[in-house]
């Protein structure tokens, strides 16, 4: 089972009107994944969106709905 969305082919992303680039290698192509976050003692689940660099695999995380990031 993959963490990647089936339609999430590697692509470029804009976050709040700024081009997303990898802070490690400078690449601008990512795969997007939804991640469920569990906090100890918290019965609700929180979600984050991770953008995984297609070159070095460093993950860049954002909390909240990915639709709100554009």
Foldseek 3Di string as FASTA:
>chain_A
DDQFDPPFDWDWDAFPNHTDADPPPRHRTWGKGKDWDDDVPDPDIFIWIWTADPPPRDTDIDGDDPVNGD
